[in-house]
Amino acid sequence: MGRILAVDYGSKRTGIAVTDPLRIIATPLETVPTSGLIEFLTAYIQKEPVDEFVVGMPKTLMNEDSAVAPLVRKFVDSLKLKFPHKLVHLVDERFTSSMAMSAMIAGGMRKKERQVRGNVDKISATIILQSFLDSTKR
């Protein structure tokens, strides 16, 4: 069974998280420049088996697409073209950035480390992935 990989897509940076091979735990993987995202995913998939993607879909409080949503949808289209045999799930990502910040504080991360924007991105991807895993458990 392959891993599930989550993407917290951003216009400049993208946070990535991945499950363990048994799909039990979500773990932060990396933050990459969005311009090199497809290349990063291609290289990662050559090293590790990945069966599915989970992509955070930015919504407003009124459950409408946010301003970034069209970029995310375009990325999802590219993802499906590049990896046509892999499932792609969209997950509501509202509040994940604030949840990531709270998790970093609760985990004892120093203020200087919390200010590194890439840390928030990959932890947000981890929260998106863990919520997906929790929602699919039977």
N, C-alpha and C. Protein backbone atom coordinates (compact mmCIF):
# COMPACT_ATOMS: atom_id res chain seq x y z
N MET A 1 0.85 -1.18 0.00
CA MET A 1 0.00 0.00 0.00
C MET A 1 0.89 1.24 0.00
N GLY A 2 0.61 2.18 -0.88
CA GLY A 2 1.39 3.40 -0.96
C GLY A 2 0.94 4.44 0.03
N ARG A 3 1.75 5.42 0.20
CA ARG A 3 1.47 6.53 1.11
C ARG A 3 0.40 7.46 0.53
N ILE A 4 -0.10 8.33 1.39
CA ILE A 4 -0.96 9.43 0.96
C ILE A 4 -0.15 10.70 1.19
N LEU A 5 -0.13 11.57 0.21
CA LEU A 5 0.64 12.80 0.29
C LEU A 5 -0.32 13.98 0.26
N ALA A 6 -0.11 14.94 1.17
CA ALA A 6 -0.98 16.11 1.26
C ALA A 6 -0.24 17.35 0.82
N VAL A 7 -1.00 18.27 0.22
CA VAL A 7 -0.45 19.51 -0.30
C VAL A 7 -1.26 20.68 0.26
N ASP A 8 -0.54 21.61 0.91
CA ASP A 8 -1.13 22.89 1.31
C ASP A 8 -0.58 23.92 0.33
N TYR A 9 -1.31 24.10 -0.76
CA TYR A 9 -0.85 24.90 -1.90
C TYR A 9 -0.87 26.39 -1.56
N GLY A 10 0.20 27.05 -1.92
CA GLY A 10 0.28 28.50 -1.78
C GLY A 10 0.85 29.10 -3.05
N SER A 11 0.62 30.37 -3.27
CA SER A 11 1.10 30.99 -4.51
C SER A 11 2.62 31.06 -4.57
N LYS A 12 3.30 31.13 -3.40
CA LYS A 12 4.76 31.18 -3.39
C LYS A 12 5.39 29.90 -2.85
N ARG A 13 4.84 29.40 -1.75
CA ARG A 13 5.36 28.20 -1.08
C ARG A 13 4.25 27.20 -0.90
N THR A 14 4.64 25.92 -0.89
CA THR A 14 3.66 24.86 -0.69
C THR A 14 4.16 23.91 0.37
N GLY A 15 3.32 23.67 1.36
CA GLY A 15 3.64 22.71 2.41
C GLY A 15 3.22 21.32 2.00
N ILE A 16 4.06 20.34 2.35
CA ILE A 16 3.78 18.96 1.97
C ILE A 16 3.90 18.08 3.21
N ALA A 17 2.95 17.16 3.34
CA ALA A 17 2.97 16.17 4.42
C ALA A 17 2.70 14.81 3.80
N VAL A 18 3.06 13.78 4.54
CA VAL A 18 2.91 12.42 4.00
C VAL A 18 2.57 11.47 5.15
N THR A 19 1.89 10.39 4.80
CA THR A 19 1.59 9.36 5.80
C THR A 19 2.75 8.38 5.90
N ASP A 20 2.73 7.60 6.94
CA ASP A 20 3.62 6.45 7.03
C ASP A 20 3.09 5.39 6.06
N PRO A 21 3.86 4.34 5.79
CA PRO A 21 3.40 3.33 4.81
C PRO A 21 2.07 2.66 5.19
N LEU A 22 1.75 2.61 6.47
CA LEU A 22 0.49 2.00 6.89
C LEU A 22 -0.68 2.98 6.93
N ARG A 23 -0.40 4.23 6.59
CA ARG A 23 -1.42 5.29 6.53
C ARG A 23 -2.09 5.55 7.88
N ILE A 24 -1.28 5.57 8.92
CA ILE A 24 -1.81 5.80 10.26
C ILE A 24 -1.54 7.23 10.72
N ILE A 25 -0.33 7.71 10.47
CA ILE A 25 0.10 9.00 11.01
C ILE A 25 0.54 9.92 9.87
N ALA A 26 0.14 11.17 9.97
CA ALA A 26 0.58 12.20 9.03
C ALA A 26 1.81 12.89 9.63
N THR A 27 2.80 13.13 8.77
CA THR A 27 4.05 13.75 9.20
C THR A 27 4.43 14.87 8.24
N PRO A 28 4.92 16.01 8.76
CA PRO A 28 5.41 17.06 7.86
C PRO A 28 6.57 16.53 7.02
N LEU A 29 6.59 16.88 5.75
CA LEU A 29 7.66 16.43 4.88
C LEU A 29 8.57 17.58 4.49
N GLU A 30 8.00 18.60 3.86
CA GLU A 30 8.84 19.66 3.29
C GLU A 30 7.99 20.86 2.95
N THR A 31 8.65 21.99 2.79
CA THR A 31 8.03 23.16 2.17
C THR A 31 8.87 23.46 0.94
N VAL A 32 8.20 23.55 -0.21
CA VAL A 32 8.93 23.77 -1.46
C VAL A 32 8.38 25.01 -2.16
N PRO A 33 9.22 25.66 -2.97
CA PRO A 33 8.69 26.76 -3.79
C PRO A 33 7.63 26.19 -4.73
N THR A 34 6.51 26.86 -4.83
CA THR A 34 5.41 26.37 -5.65
C THR A 34 5.82 26.20 -7.11
N SER A 35 6.74 27.02 -7.57
CA SER A 35 7.18 26.92 -8.97
C SER A 35 7.84 25.57 -9.27
N GLY A 36 8.37 24.90 -8.25
CA GLY A 36 9.01 23.60 -8.46
C GLY A 36 8.24 22.44 -7.86
N LEU A 37 6.96 22.65 -7.58
CA LEU A 37 6.17 21.65 -6.88
C LEU A 37 6.01 20.35 -7.66
N ILE A 38 5.61 20.41 -8.91
CA ILE A 38 5.40 19.19 -9.70
C ILE A 38 6.70 18.40 -9.81
N GLU A 39 7.82 19.09 -10.00
CA GLU A 39 9.11 18.42 -10.08
C GLU A 39 9.45 17.72 -8.77
N PHE A 40 9.17 18.39 -7.64
CA PHE A 40 9.42 17.78 -6.33
C PHE A 40 8.58 16.52 -6.16
N LEU A 41 7.30 16.62 -6.49
CA LEU A 41 6.40 15.47 -6.35
C LEU A 41 6.84 14.31 -7.24
N THR A 42 7.26 14.61 -8.45
CA THR A 42 7.72 13.58 -9.36
C THR A 42 8.93 12.85 -8.78
N ALA A 43 9.89 13.61 -8.27
CA ALA A 43 11.09 13.00 -7.68
C ALA A 43 10.74 12.19 -6.44
N TYR A 44 9.83 12.71 -5.61
CA TYR A 44 9.44 11.98 -4.39
C TYR A 44 8.76 10.66 -4.73
N ILE A 45 7.88 10.69 -5.70
CA ILE A 45 7.13 9.48 -6.08
C ILE A 45 8.05 8.43 -6.71
N GLN A 46 9.15 8.85 -7.27
CA GLN A 46 10.11 7.89 -7.79
C GLN A 46 10.84 7.16 -6.66
N LYS A 47 10.92 7.80 -5.48
CA LYS A 47 11.59 7.19 -4.33
C LYS A 47 10.63 6.43 -3.42
N GLU A 48 9.43 6.94 -3.25
CA GLU A 48 8.45 6.38 -2.33
C GLU A 48 7.13 6.13 -3.05
N PRO A 49 6.48 5.01 -2.77
CA PRO A 49 5.18 4.76 -3.40
C PRO A 49 4.10 5.68 -2.80
N VAL A 50 3.40 6.38 -3.66
CA VAL A 50 2.29 7.26 -3.26
C VAL A 50 1.09 6.85 -4.09
N ASP A 51 -0.02 6.55 -3.40
CA ASP A 51 -1.24 6.14 -4.11
C ASP A 51 -2.24 7.27 -4.28
N GLU A 52 -2.24 8.21 -3.33
CA GLU A 52 -3.28 9.23 -3.33
C GLU A 52 -2.70 10.58 -2.92
N PHE A 53 -3.39 11.63 -3.36
CA PHE A 53 -3.06 13.00 -2.95
C PHE A 53 -4.25 13.59 -2.21
N VAL A 54 -3.96 14.42 -1.24
CA VAL A 54 -4.96 15.21 -0.55
C VAL A 54 -4.53 16.66 -0.72
N VAL A 55 -5.42 17.48 -1.26
CA VAL A 55 -5.09 18.87 -1.51
C VAL A 55 -6.05 19.75 -0.70
N GLY A 56 -5.49 20.69 0.04
CA GLY A 56 -6.30 21.62 0.80
C GLY A 56 -6.98 22.62 -0.11
N MET A 57 -8.30 22.74 0.03
CA MET A 57 -9.07 23.69 -0.78
C MET A 57 -9.44 24.88 0.11
N PRO A 58 -8.92 26.06 -0.23
CA PRO A 58 -9.20 27.24 0.59
C PRO A 58 -10.63 27.73 0.41
N LYS A 59 -11.34 27.83 1.52
CA LYS A 59 -12.73 28.30 1.52
C LYS A 59 -12.85 29.51 2.45
N THR A 60 -13.88 30.30 2.21
CA THR A 60 -14.17 31.42 3.10
C THR A 60 -15.07 30.92 4.24
N LEU A 61 -15.34 31.79 5.19
CA LEU A 61 -16.23 31.41 6.28
C LEU A 61 -17.65 31.11 5.79
N MET A 62 -17.99 31.61 4.62
CA MET A 62 -19.32 31.37 4.03
C MET A 62 -19.31 30.10 3.16
N ASN A 63 -18.24 29.31 3.26
CA ASN A 63 -18.08 28.07 2.52
C ASN A 63 -18.04 28.28 1.00
N GLU A 64 -17.51 29.42 0.59
CA GLU A 64 -17.31 29.71 -0.83
C GLU A 64 -15.82 29.65 -1.12
N ASP A 65 -15.48 29.46 -2.38
CA ASP A 65 -14.07 29.45 -2.76
C ASP A 65 -13.42 30.79 -2.40
N SER A 66 -12.20 30.73 -1.87
CA SER A 66 -11.45 31.94 -1.56
C SER A 66 -10.78 32.44 -2.84
N ALA A 67 -10.06 33.54 -2.73
CA ALA A 67 -9.39 34.12 -3.88
C ALA A 67 -8.30 33.20 -4.44
N VAL A 68 -7.73 32.34 -3.61
CA VAL A 68 -6.67 31.44 -4.03
C VAL A 68 -7.21 30.15 -4.66
N ALA A 69 -8.48 29.86 -4.46
CA ALA A 69 -9.07 28.60 -4.93
C ALA A 69 -8.87 28.35 -6.43
N PRO A 70 -9.00 29.35 -7.31
CA PRO A 70 -8.76 29.06 -8.74
C PRO A 70 -7.33 28.55 -9.00
N LEU A 71 -6.35 29.06 -8.27
CA LEU A 71 -4.97 28.58 -8.42
C LEU A 71 -4.86 27.12 -7.96
N VAL A 72 -5.56 26.80 -6.88
CA VAL A 72 -5.54 25.43 -6.37
C VAL A 72 -6.21 24.49 -7.37
N ARG A 73 -7.32 24.90 -7.93
CA ARG A 73 -8.01 24.07 -8.92
C ARG A 73 -7.12 23.85 -10.16
N LYS A 74 -6.40 24.87 -10.58
CA LYS A 74 -5.49 24.73 -11.71
C LYS A 74 -4.37 23.74 -11.36
N PHE A 75 -3.85 23.83 -10.14
CA PHE A 75 -2.83 22.88 -9.70
C PHE A 75 -3.38 21.46 -9.69
N VAL A 76 -4.60 21.28 -9.20
CA VAL A 76 -5.22 19.95 -9.16
C VAL A 76 -5.35 19.39 -10.57
N ASP A 77 -5.72 20.22 -11.51
CA ASP A 77 -5.79 19.77 -12.91
C ASP A 77 -4.42 19.30 -13.40
N SER A 78 -3.37 20.06 -13.07
CA SER A 78 -2.01 19.67 -13.46
C SER A 78 -1.60 18.36 -12.79
N LEU A 79 -1.98 18.22 -11.54
CA LEU A 79 -1.66 17.00 -10.78
C LEU A 79 -2.31 15.78 -11.42
N LYS A 80 -3.57 15.93 -11.80
CA LYS A 80 -4.30 14.82 -12.43
C LYS A 80 -3.72 14.47 -13.81
N LEU A 81 -3.24 15.48 -14.52
CA LEU A 81 -2.61 15.22 -15.82
C LEU A 81 -1.27 14.50 -15.66
N LYS A 82 -0.49 14.94 -14.68
CA LYS A 82 0.84 14.36 -14.46
C LYS A 82 0.76 12.96 -13.86
N PHE A 83 -0.21 12.74 -12.96
CA PHE A 83 -0.36 11.46 -12.26
C PHE A 83 -1.78 10.94 -12.43
N PRO A 84 -2.15 10.52 -13.64
CA PRO A 84 -3.55 10.18 -13.93
C PRO A 84 -4.09 8.97 -13.17
N HIS A 85 -3.23 8.12 -12.66
CA HIS A 85 -3.68 6.90 -11.98
C HIS A 85 -3.75 7.06 -10.47
N LYS A 86 -3.56 8.27 -9.98
CA LYS A 86 -3.59 8.51 -8.54
C LYS A 86 -4.83 9.31 -8.17
N LEU A 87 -5.47 8.91 -7.09
CA LEU A 87 -6.65 9.62 -6.60
C LEU A 87 -6.24 10.98 -6.04
N VAL A 88 -7.10 11.97 -6.25
CA VAL A 88 -6.88 13.30 -5.69
C VAL A 88 -8.13 13.68 -4.91
N HIS A 89 -7.95 13.95 -3.62
CA HIS A 89 -9.06 14.34 -2.74
C HIS A 89 -8.89 15.81 -2.38
N LEU A 90 -9.99 16.56 -2.41
CA LEU A 90 -9.97 17.95 -1.96
C LEU A 90 -10.53 18.00 -0.54
N VAL A 91 -9.84 18.75 0.33
CA VAL A 91 -10.23 18.84 1.73
C VAL A 91 -10.30 20.32 2.12
N ASP A 92 -11.34 20.68 2.83
CA ASP A 92 -11.50 22.04 3.34
C ASP A 92 -10.32 22.37 4.25
N GLU A 93 -9.64 23.47 3.96
CA GLU A 93 -8.47 23.81 4.76
C GLU A 93 -8.68 25.04 5.65
N ARG A 94 -9.92 25.41 5.88
CA ARG A 94 -10.16 26.57 6.74
C ARG A 94 -9.53 26.37 8.11
N PHE A 95 -8.92 27.41 8.61
CA PHE A 95 -8.34 27.48 9.96
C PHE A 95 -7.08 26.66 10.15
N THR A 96 -6.56 26.00 9.10
CA THR A 96 -5.38 25.15 9.32
C THR A 96 -4.14 25.97 9.69
N SER A 97 -4.01 27.18 9.16
CA SER A 97 -2.83 27.99 9.51
C SER A 97 -2.85 28.37 10.98
N SER A 98 -4.02 28.76 11.49
CA SER A 98 -4.09 29.11 12.91
C SER A 98 -3.94 27.87 13.78
N MET A 99 -4.45 26.73 13.33
CA MET A 99 -4.27 25.48 14.07
C MET A 99 -2.79 25.08 14.07
N ALA A 100 -2.10 25.31 12.95
CA ALA A 100 -0.68 24.99 12.87
C ALA A 100 0.12 25.85 13.84
N MET A 101 -0.21 27.14 13.92
CA MET A 101 0.48 28.03 14.84
C MET A 101 0.24 27.58 16.28
N SER A 102 -0.98 27.23 16.61
CA SER A 102 -1.28 26.74 17.96
C SER A 102 -0.53 25.45 18.27
N ALA A 103 -0.42 24.58 17.29
CA ALA A 103 0.29 23.32 17.49
C ALA A 103 1.78 23.58 17.72
N MET A 104 2.33 24.53 17.01
CA MET A 104 3.75 24.85 17.19
C MET A 104 4.00 25.43 18.58
N ILE A 105 3.11 26.27 19.04
CA ILE A 105 3.24 26.85 20.38
C ILE A 105 3.11 25.75 21.43
N ALA A 106 2.08 24.91 21.27
CA ALA A 106 1.87 23.83 22.24
C ALA A 106 3.03 22.84 22.24
N GLY A 107 3.67 22.67 21.10
CA GLY A 107 4.80 21.76 20.99
C GLY A 107 6.11 22.35 21.48
N GLY A 108 6.08 23.61 21.91
CA GLY A 108 7.27 24.23 22.46
C GLY A 108 8.22 24.81 21.42
N MET A 109 7.75 25.01 20.21
CA MET A 109 8.61 25.58 19.18
C MET A 109 8.92 27.04 19.53
N ARG A 110 10.16 27.40 19.41
CA ARG A 110 10.59 28.77 19.73
C ARG A 110 9.98 29.77 18.75
N LYS A 111 9.84 31.01 19.25
CA LYS A 111 9.22 32.05 18.46
C LYS A 111 9.94 32.25 17.12
N LYS A 112 11.24 32.21 17.13
CA LYS A 112 12.01 32.40 15.90
C LYS A 112 11.69 31.31 14.88
N GLU A 113 11.53 30.07 15.34
CA GLU A 113 11.18 28.97 14.44
C GLU A 113 9.74 29.09 13.94
N ARG A 114 8.85 29.61 14.80
CA ARG A 114 7.45 29.78 14.39
C ARG A 114 7.31 30.86 13.32
N GLN A 115 8.24 31.80 13.31
CA GLN A 115 8.18 32.88 12.33
C GLN A 115 8.65 32.45 10.95
N VAL A 116 9.27 31.28 10.85
CA VAL A 116 9.66 30.75 9.55
C VAL A 116 8.37 30.27 8.87
N ARG A 117 7.96 30.99 7.84
CA ARG A 117 6.66 30.74 7.20
C ARG A 117 6.54 29.31 6.67
N GLY A 118 7.63 28.73 6.22
CA GLY A 118 7.60 27.37 5.70
C GLY A 118 7.18 26.35 6.74
N ASN A 119 7.50 26.61 8.01
CA ASN A 119 7.10 25.69 9.07
C ASN A 119 5.58 25.64 9.20
N VAL A 120 4.94 26.79 9.10
CA VAL A 120 3.47 26.83 9.16
C VAL A 120 2.87 26.07 7.99
N ASP A 121 3.46 26.21 6.81
CA ASP A 121 2.92 25.56 5.61
C ASP A 121 2.96 24.04 5.72
N LYS A 122 4.09 23.48 6.15
CA LYS A 122 4.16 22.01 6.20
C LYS A 122 3.36 21.45 7.38
N ILE A 123 3.23 22.21 8.45
CA ILE A 123 2.39 21.75 9.55
C ILE A 123 0.91 21.86 9.17
N SER A 124 0.56 22.88 8.41
CA SER A 124 -0.81 22.99 7.89
C SER A 124 -1.13 21.79 6.99
N ALA A 125 -0.19 21.41 6.15
CA ALA A 125 -0.38 20.23 5.29
C ALA A 125 -0.58 18.98 6.14
N THR A 126 0.14 18.90 7.25
CA THR A 126 0.00 17.75 8.15
C THR A 126 -1.38 17.72 8.78
N ILE A 127 -1.88 18.87 9.19
CA ILE A 127 -3.22 18.95 9.78
C ILE A 127 -4.28 18.57 8.74
N ILE A 128 -4.11 19.04 7.52
CA ILE A 128 -5.04 18.68 6.43
C ILE A 128 -5.04 17.16 6.24
N LEU A 129 -3.86 16.57 6.20
CA LEU A 129 -3.75 15.13 5.97
C LEU A 129 -4.31 14.33 7.14
N GLN A 130 -3.99 14.75 8.37
CA GLN A 130 -4.49 14.00 9.53
C GLN A 130 -6.02 14.09 9.61
N SER A 131 -6.59 15.24 9.27
CA SER A 131 -8.05 15.35 9.30
C SER A 131 -8.67 14.45 8.22
N PHE A 132 -8.01 14.33 7.07
CA PHE A 132 -8.48 13.43 6.04
C PHE A 132 -8.43 11.98 6.54
N LEU A 133 -7.31 11.61 7.14
CA LEU A 133 -7.18 10.24 7.69
C LEU A 133 -8.25 9.96 8.73
N ASP A 134 -8.48 10.92 9.62
CA ASP A 134 -9.48 10.74 10.68
C ASP A 134 -10.88 10.59 10.10
N SER A 135 -11.15 11.33 9.02
CA SER A 135 -12.49 11.29 8.42
C SER A 135 -12.74 10.00 7.63
N THR A 136 -11.68 9.32 7.24
CA THR A 136 -11.85 8.11 6.44
C THR A 136 -11.72 6.82 7.26
N LYS A 137 -11.39 6.95 8.53
CA LYS A 137 -11.30 5.76 9.39
C LYS A 137 -12.69 5.20 9.61
N ARG A 138 -12.75 3.90 9.62
CA ARG A 138 -14.04 3.25 9.82
C ARG A 138 -14.14 2.70 11.20
